[in-house]
N, C-alpha and C. Protein backbone atom coordinates (compact mmCIF):
# COMPACT_ATOMS: atom_id res chain seq x y z
N MET A 1 0.90 -1.25 0.08
CA MET A 1 0.05 0.13 -0.01
C MET A 1 0.80 1.40 0.04
N ILE A 2 1.78 1.15 0.75
CA ILE A 2 2.71 2.39 0.96
C ILE A 2 3.54 2.58 -0.50
N ARG A 3 4.12 1.57 -0.98
CA ARG A 3 4.62 1.57 -2.33
C ARG A 3 3.60 2.11 -3.55
N ASP A 4 2.59 1.71 -3.60
CA ASP A 4 1.48 2.13 -4.41
C ASP A 4 1.31 3.61 -4.17
N SER A 5 1.15 3.92 -2.95
CA SER A 5 0.89 5.36 -2.74
C SER A 5 1.98 6.23 -3.36
N GLY A 6 3.16 5.79 -2.91
CA GLY A 6 4.25 6.58 -3.43
C GLY A 6 4.33 6.66 -5.00
N ALA A 7 4.32 5.57 -5.50
CA ALA A 7 4.32 5.50 -7.05
C ALA A 7 3.17 6.39 -7.76
N GLY A 8 2.17 6.33 -7.13
CA GLY A 8 0.87 7.10 -7.68
C GLY A 8 1.33 8.60 -7.47
N PHE A 9 1.97 9.00 -6.36
CA PHE A 9 2.23 10.31 -6.03
C PHE A 9 3.32 10.98 -7.22
N ALA A 10 4.19 9.93 -7.39
CA ALA A 10 5.31 10.22 -8.37
C ALA A 10 4.72 10.42 -9.73
N VAL A 11 3.80 9.57 -10.02
CA VAL A 11 3.28 9.68 -11.34
C VAL A 11 2.37 11.05 -11.46
N ASP A 12 1.46 11.12 -10.62
CA ASP A 12 0.39 12.17 -10.59
C ASP A 12 1.07 13.60 -10.41
N LYS A 13 1.98 13.53 -9.54
CA LYS A 13 2.48 14.92 -9.10
C LYS A 13 3.82 15.46 -9.36
N ILE A 14 4.83 14.35 -9.29
CA ILE A 14 6.01 14.74 -9.62
C ILE A 14 6.31 14.67 -11.35
N SER A 15 5.96 13.58 -11.87
CA SER A 15 6.22 13.43 -13.23
C SER A 15 5.88 14.49 -14.14
N PRO A 16 4.68 15.05 -14.05
CA PRO A 16 4.44 16.30 -14.75
C PRO A 16 5.37 17.38 -14.64
N ARG A 17 6.07 17.63 -13.63
CA ARG A 17 7.00 18.69 -13.30
C ARG A 17 8.41 18.29 -13.49
N ALA A 18 8.66 17.19 -13.98
CA ALA A 18 9.95 16.59 -13.87
C ALA A 18 10.79 17.50 -14.68
N GLY A 19 10.55 18.08 -15.76
CA GLY A 19 11.33 19.06 -16.61
C GLY A 19 11.74 20.26 -15.70
N GLU A 20 10.66 20.83 -15.07
CA GLU A 20 10.93 22.02 -14.17
C GLU A 20 11.66 21.63 -13.09
N ILE A 21 11.85 20.55 -12.39
CA ILE A 21 12.66 20.10 -11.46
C ILE A 21 14.10 19.84 -11.74
N ASP A 22 14.23 19.26 -13.07
CA ASP A 22 15.43 19.10 -13.58
C ASP A 22 16.16 20.23 -13.86
N SER A 23 15.52 21.22 -14.53
CA SER A 23 16.18 22.45 -15.05
C SER A 23 16.58 23.41 -13.87
N SER A 24 15.72 23.36 -12.79
CA SER A 24 16.07 24.23 -11.62
C SER A 24 16.86 23.45 -10.58
N SER A 25 16.93 22.29 -10.75
CA SER A 25 17.70 21.50 -9.57
C SER A 25 17.09 21.82 -8.09
N GLN A 26 15.82 22.03 -8.11
CA GLN A 26 15.08 22.22 -6.89
C GLN A 26 13.76 21.54 -6.78
N PHE A 27 13.43 20.94 -5.66
CA PHE A 27 12.28 20.06 -5.73
C PHE A 27 11.24 21.20 -5.28
N PRO A 28 9.99 21.16 -5.77
CA PRO A 28 8.98 22.07 -5.37
C PRO A 28 8.61 22.18 -3.94
N ARG A 29 8.64 23.35 -3.49
CA ARG A 29 8.08 23.43 -2.10
C ARG A 29 6.76 23.08 -1.78
N ASP A 30 6.01 23.22 -2.64
CA ASP A 30 4.47 22.89 -2.36
C ASP A 30 4.21 21.33 -2.35
N LEU A 31 5.17 20.51 -3.00
CA LEU A 31 5.05 19.20 -2.89
C LEU A 31 5.43 18.48 -1.44
N TRP A 32 6.34 19.26 -0.62
CA TRP A 32 6.65 18.71 0.60
C TRP A 32 5.54 18.42 1.56
N PRO A 33 4.64 19.22 1.76
CA PRO A 33 3.43 18.93 2.57
C PRO A 33 2.64 17.87 2.02
N GLN A 34 2.41 17.61 0.91
CA GLN A 34 1.78 16.51 0.12
C GLN A 34 2.57 15.20 0.53
N MET A 35 3.67 15.12 0.44
CA MET A 35 4.53 13.95 0.74
C MET A 35 4.35 13.79 2.18
N GLY A 36 4.44 14.64 3.10
CA GLY A 36 4.01 14.41 4.59
C GLY A 36 2.84 14.01 4.71
N ASP A 37 1.64 14.40 4.10
CA ASP A 37 0.48 13.59 4.37
C ASP A 37 0.51 12.00 3.86
N LEU A 38 1.40 11.93 2.85
CA LEU A 38 1.49 10.41 2.57
C LEU A 38 2.25 9.52 3.63
N GLY A 39 2.95 10.23 4.48
CA GLY A 39 3.72 9.77 5.38
C GLY A 39 5.28 9.21 5.15
N VAL A 40 5.71 9.85 3.96
CA VAL A 40 7.00 9.42 3.46
C VAL A 40 8.11 10.41 4.15
N LEU A 41 7.72 11.33 4.86
CA LEU A 41 8.90 12.31 5.54
C LEU A 41 9.51 11.75 6.71
N ALA A 42 8.71 10.96 7.47
CA ALA A 42 9.10 10.61 8.81
C ALA A 42 9.72 9.23 8.95
């Protein structure tokens, strides 16, 4: 379940912004709280 949630988040939220993330070398700040809601930061 955790793996599926993480994979879904990556596909839905991170993949569409991969070009932006790669070009800026910065992970979008607005995604951190969403990752926290999934429980992957602790």
